[in-house]
Structures are given as structure tokens and as C-alpha cells.
Amino acid sequence: MKIVRLTFFILFLSLAFVSIKLSIKSDERKYDWRNNSDGTVTIIHYNGPHMEMEFPFPNRLNGKKVAKVSSGIFEKRDFYSFLPIVY
């Protein structure tokens, strides 16, 4: 009986992790964020394409309202990655 329970528990956990991973939308992958104590999130880094000239910030990430955008949102980026290549 314990083996059956353990098997179902492991199966449940693995399905839960797959479900969580699939719930992250592709647009949400452009941002790193942290959860705030009030149930909102703060965007802390932008990971989108280098040559994107506009940076639209989403209203929600992972179902939570975006309350703030960090002043260091582009710190992970090299400054030159934002300059267009001119031939």
C-alpha cells in the first residue's frame, strides 16, 4: 500500500512541475521578476531580443499584477547590444 501511495505522490509531483513549466508564456520568458509581499511582482531584468526598439512591459506576469520596474532592468545587457549594426 505504501508503494502505491508513493508512486501516486511522485506521479502527482511530476505532473505538477510539468504543468507549472507549461504555464509560463513565451512573453513572460523575456523578463525576470521577483514576487512582492503584497502579491504583485517587480520586473528586475529584460531578456528579450537585442534589437527590439520598444520594450512593452506587461500588465501581468504569471497571473500577478506588475507593480514596479527595477531601475537596473538592463544591467545584464552589454550596452553595445542595443546599438544597430549599420553597413
N, C-alpha and C. Protein backbone atom coordinates (compact mmCIF):
# COMPACT_ATOMS: atom_id res chain seq x y z
N MET A 1 0.82 -1.20 0.00
CA MET A 1 0.00 0.00 0.00
C MET A 1 0.86 1.26 0.00
N LYS A 2 1.96 1.24 0.77
CA LYS A 2 2.83 2.41 0.83
C LYS A 2 3.49 2.67 -0.52
N ILE A 3 3.82 1.60 -1.24
CA ILE A 3 4.46 1.75 -2.55
C ILE A 3 3.48 2.40 -3.54
N VAL A 4 2.22 2.02 -3.48
CA VAL A 4 1.21 2.61 -4.37
C VAL A 4 1.05 4.09 -4.06
N ARG A 5 0.97 4.44 -2.79
CA ARG A 5 0.86 5.85 -2.39
C ARG A 5 2.07 6.65 -2.85
N LEU A 6 3.25 6.10 -2.64
CA LEU A 6 4.47 6.78 -3.04
C LEU A 6 4.52 6.96 -4.55
N THR A 7 4.10 5.95 -5.29
CA THR A 7 4.07 6.05 -6.75
C THR A 7 3.12 7.15 -7.21
N PHE A 8 1.92 7.20 -6.64
CA PHE A 8 0.97 8.25 -7.00
C PHE A 8 1.48 9.64 -6.58
N PHE A 9 2.11 9.73 -5.45
CA PHE A 9 2.67 11.00 -5.00
C PHE A 9 3.74 11.50 -5.96
N ILE A 10 4.64 10.63 -6.37
CA ILE A 10 5.70 11.02 -7.31
C ILE A 10 5.09 11.40 -8.65
N LEU A 11 4.10 10.65 -9.11
CA LEU A 11 3.43 10.98 -10.37
C LEU A 11 2.75 12.34 -10.27
N PHE A 12 2.07 12.60 -9.17
CA PHE A 12 1.42 13.89 -8.96
C PHE A 12 2.42 15.04 -9.00
N LEU A 13 3.54 14.90 -8.30
CA LEU A 13 4.55 15.95 -8.28
C LEU A 13 5.13 16.20 -9.66
N SER A 14 5.41 15.14 -10.40
CA SER A 14 5.99 15.33 -11.73
C SER A 14 5.00 16.03 -12.65
N LEU A 15 3.72 15.68 -12.58
CA LEU A 15 2.72 16.36 -13.40
C LEU A 15 2.54 17.81 -12.99
N ALA A 16 2.64 18.09 -11.71
CA ALA A 16 2.53 19.47 -11.24
C ALA A 16 3.66 20.33 -11.78
N PHE A 17 4.89 19.81 -11.78
CA PHE A 17 6.02 20.57 -12.30
C PHE A 17 5.89 20.79 -13.80
N VAL A 18 5.42 19.81 -14.53
CA VAL A 18 5.22 19.96 -15.97
C VAL A 18 4.16 21.02 -16.22
N SER A 19 3.09 21.00 -15.45
CA SER A 19 2.02 21.98 -15.60
C SER A 19 2.52 23.39 -15.33
N ILE A 20 3.33 23.57 -14.29
CA ILE A 20 3.87 24.88 -13.97
C ILE A 20 4.77 25.38 -15.09
N LYS A 21 5.62 24.52 -15.61
CA LYS A 21 6.53 24.92 -16.67
C LYS A 21 5.76 25.31 -17.93
N LEU A 22 4.70 24.60 -18.26
CA LEU A 22 3.92 24.92 -19.44
C LEU A 22 3.11 26.19 -19.28
N SER A 23 2.84 26.60 -18.04
CA SER A 23 2.03 27.80 -17.82
C SER A 23 2.80 29.08 -18.06
N ILE A 24 4.12 28.99 -18.13
CA ILE A 24 4.91 30.19 -18.39
C ILE A 24 4.84 30.50 -19.87
N LYS A 25 4.29 31.63 -20.21
CA LYS A 25 4.12 32.01 -21.61
C LYS A 25 5.43 32.51 -22.18
N SER A 26 5.52 32.47 -23.50
CA SER A 26 6.77 32.89 -24.15
C SER A 26 7.10 34.35 -23.86
N ASP A 27 6.09 35.22 -23.79
CA ASP A 27 6.36 36.63 -23.48
C ASP A 27 6.91 36.80 -22.07
N GLU A 28 6.49 35.94 -21.17
CA GLU A 28 6.98 36.03 -19.80
C GLU A 28 8.44 35.63 -19.70
N ARG A 29 8.93 34.88 -20.65
CA ARG A 29 10.34 34.48 -20.63
C ARG A 29 11.26 35.65 -20.95
N LYS A 30 10.71 36.74 -21.45
CA LYS A 30 11.52 37.92 -21.74
C LYS A 30 11.93 38.66 -20.47
N TYR A 31 11.31 38.33 -19.36
CA TYR A 31 11.52 39.08 -18.13
C TYR A 31 11.90 38.17 -16.97
N ASP A 32 12.75 38.69 -16.09
CA ASP A 32 12.98 38.08 -14.78
C ASP A 32 12.23 38.97 -13.79
N TRP A 33 11.56 38.37 -12.85
CA TRP A 33 10.82 39.17 -11.87
C TRP A 33 10.94 38.55 -10.50
N ARG A 34 10.57 39.36 -9.51
CA ARG A 34 10.54 38.85 -8.14
C ARG A 34 9.15 39.12 -7.57
N ASN A 35 8.72 38.24 -6.71
CA ASN A 35 7.42 38.38 -6.07
C ASN A 35 7.52 39.38 -4.93
N ASN A 36 6.55 40.27 -4.85
CA ASN A 36 6.48 41.24 -3.75
C ASN A 36 5.57 40.68 -2.66
N SER A 37 5.71 41.19 -1.46
CA SER A 37 4.93 40.69 -0.32
C SER A 37 3.44 40.98 -0.46
N ASP A 38 3.08 41.95 -1.31
CA ASP A 38 1.66 42.29 -1.47
C ASP A 38 0.98 41.51 -2.59
N GLY A 39 1.65 40.50 -3.15
CA GLY A 39 1.05 39.68 -4.19
C GLY A 39 1.29 40.18 -5.60
N THR A 40 2.04 41.27 -5.75
CA THR A 40 2.39 41.79 -7.06
C THR A 40 3.82 41.34 -7.40
N VAL A 41 4.30 41.76 -8.57
CA VAL A 41 5.67 41.43 -8.96
C VAL A 41 6.42 42.69 -9.39
N THR A 42 7.75 42.62 -9.31
CA THR A 42 8.63 43.67 -9.80
C THR A 42 9.50 43.07 -10.90
N ILE A 43 9.50 43.70 -12.08
CA ILE A 43 10.36 43.24 -13.17
C ILE A 43 11.78 43.69 -12.84
N ILE A 44 12.74 42.74 -12.84
CA ILE A 44 14.10 43.09 -12.47
C ILE A 44 15.09 43.00 -13.63
N HIS A 45 14.77 42.21 -14.69
CA HIS A 45 15.65 42.13 -15.86
C HIS A 45 14.83 41.90 -17.12
N TYR A 46 15.33 42.45 -18.23
CA TYR A 46 14.73 42.20 -19.55
C TYR A 46 15.64 41.25 -20.30
N ASN A 47 15.09 40.16 -20.82
CA ASN A 47 15.87 39.14 -21.52
C ASN A 47 15.44 38.98 -22.97
N GLY A 48 14.69 39.93 -23.50
CA GLY A 48 14.16 39.82 -24.86
C GLY A 48 15.22 40.04 -25.91
N PRO A 49 14.79 40.08 -27.19
CA PRO A 49 15.72 40.25 -28.30
C PRO A 49 16.56 41.52 -28.18
N HIS A 50 17.80 41.42 -28.64
CA HIS A 50 18.71 42.57 -28.54
C HIS A 50 18.26 43.76 -29.36
N MET A 51 17.71 43.51 -30.53
CA MET A 51 17.42 44.61 -31.45
C MET A 51 16.00 45.14 -31.32
N GLU A 52 15.29 44.75 -30.33
CA GLU A 52 13.94 45.26 -30.13
C GLU A 52 14.04 46.72 -29.71
N MET A 53 13.37 47.59 -30.45
CA MET A 53 13.48 49.03 -30.19
C MET A 53 12.45 49.51 -29.17
N GLU A 54 11.40 48.75 -28.98
CA GLU A 54 10.41 49.10 -27.97
C GLU A 54 10.39 47.99 -26.92
N PHE A 55 10.18 48.38 -25.71
CA PHE A 55 10.16 47.41 -24.62
C PHE A 55 8.81 47.50 -23.90
N PRO A 56 7.80 46.85 -24.46
CA PRO A 56 6.48 46.92 -23.81
C PRO A 56 6.48 46.08 -22.54
N PHE A 57 6.14 46.69 -21.44
CA PHE A 57 6.09 45.97 -20.18
C PHE A 57 4.69 45.40 -19.99
N PRO A 58 4.60 44.15 -19.64
CA PRO A 58 3.28 43.53 -19.46
C PRO A 58 2.59 44.04 -18.21
N ASN A 59 1.27 43.96 -18.22
CA ASN A 59 0.49 44.33 -17.03
C ASN A 59 0.54 43.24 -15.97
N ARG A 60 0.71 41.98 -16.45
CA ARG A 60 0.72 40.83 -15.55
C ARG A 60 1.82 39.86 -15.95
N LEU A 61 2.43 39.24 -14.96
CA LEU A 61 3.39 38.16 -15.16
C LEU A 61 3.00 37.02 -14.24
N ASN A 62 2.86 35.85 -14.81
CA ASN A 62 2.49 34.66 -14.04
C ASN A 62 1.19 34.89 -13.27
N GLY A 63 0.28 35.66 -13.88
CA GLY A 63 -1.02 35.92 -13.27
C GLY A 63 -1.02 36.98 -12.19
N LYS A 64 0.13 37.62 -11.95
CA LYS A 64 0.21 38.63 -10.90
C LYS A 64 0.43 40.01 -11.53
N LYS A 65 -0.13 41.03 -10.90
CA LYS A 65 -0.01 42.40 -11.39
C LYS A 65 1.44 42.88 -11.28
N VAL A 66 1.93 43.53 -12.35
CA VAL A 66 3.26 44.14 -12.32
C VAL A 66 3.13 45.50 -11.65
N ALA A 67 3.76 45.66 -10.50
CA ALA A 67 3.65 46.90 -9.74
C ALA A 67 4.82 47.83 -9.99
N LYS A 68 6.01 47.27 -10.25
CA LYS A 68 7.22 48.09 -10.39
C LYS A 68 8.11 47.53 -11.49
N VAL A 69 8.98 48.40 -11.99
CA VAL A 69 10.04 48.00 -12.92
C VAL A 69 11.34 48.49 -12.30
N SER A 70 12.27 47.59 -12.10
CA SER A 70 13.54 47.92 -11.46
C SER A 70 14.35 48.90 -12.31
N SER A 71 15.09 49.77 -11.65
CA SER A 71 15.93 50.73 -12.38
C SER A 71 17.08 50.03 -13.08
N GLY A 72 17.44 48.83 -12.67
CA GLY A 72 18.54 48.09 -13.29
C GLY A 72 18.07 47.02 -14.26
N ILE A 73 16.95 47.28 -14.92
CA ILE A 73 16.34 46.25 -15.77
C ILE A 73 17.26 45.79 -16.91
N PHE A 74 18.16 46.65 -17.38
CA PHE A 74 19.04 46.28 -18.49
C PHE A 74 20.47 45.99 -18.04
N GLU A 75 20.71 45.83 -16.76
CA GLU A 75 22.06 45.62 -16.25
C GLU A 75 22.73 44.36 -16.78
N LYS A 76 21.97 43.33 -17.08
CA LYS A 76 22.55 42.09 -17.59
C LYS A 76 23.02 42.24 -19.04
N ARG A 77 22.68 43.34 -19.67
CA ARG A 77 22.98 43.55 -21.08
C ARG A 77 24.25 44.36 -21.27
N ASP A 78 24.91 44.07 -22.35
CA ASP A 78 26.04 44.88 -22.78
C ASP A 78 25.46 46.08 -23.52
N PHE A 79 25.95 47.27 -23.25
CA PHE A 79 25.43 48.49 -23.87
C PHE A 79 25.44 48.38 -25.39
N TYR A 80 26.48 47.80 -25.94
CA TYR A 80 26.61 47.74 -27.40
C TYR A 80 25.61 46.80 -28.05
N SER A 81 24.97 45.96 -27.30
CA SER A 81 23.97 45.07 -27.89
C SER A 81 22.72 45.83 -28.30
N PHE A 82 22.56 47.07 -27.83
CA PHE A 82 21.41 47.88 -28.20
C PHE A 82 21.66 48.77 -29.41
N LEU A 83 22.91 48.88 -29.83
CA LEU A 83 23.23 49.73 -30.97
C LEU A 83 22.96 48.98 -32.27
N PRO A 84 22.29 49.62 -33.23
CA PRO A 84 22.03 48.94 -34.51
C PRO A 84 23.31 48.79 -35.32
N ILE A 85 23.36 47.73 -36.11
CA ILE A 85 24.50 47.50 -36.99
C ILE A 85 24.23 48.22 -38.30
N VAL A 86 25.14 49.10 -38.70
CA VAL A 86 24.98 49.87 -39.93
C VAL A 86 26.03 49.40 -40.92
N TYR A 87 25.59 49.08 -42.14
CA TYR A 87 26.51 48.61 -43.18
C TYR A 87 26.75 49.69 -44.20
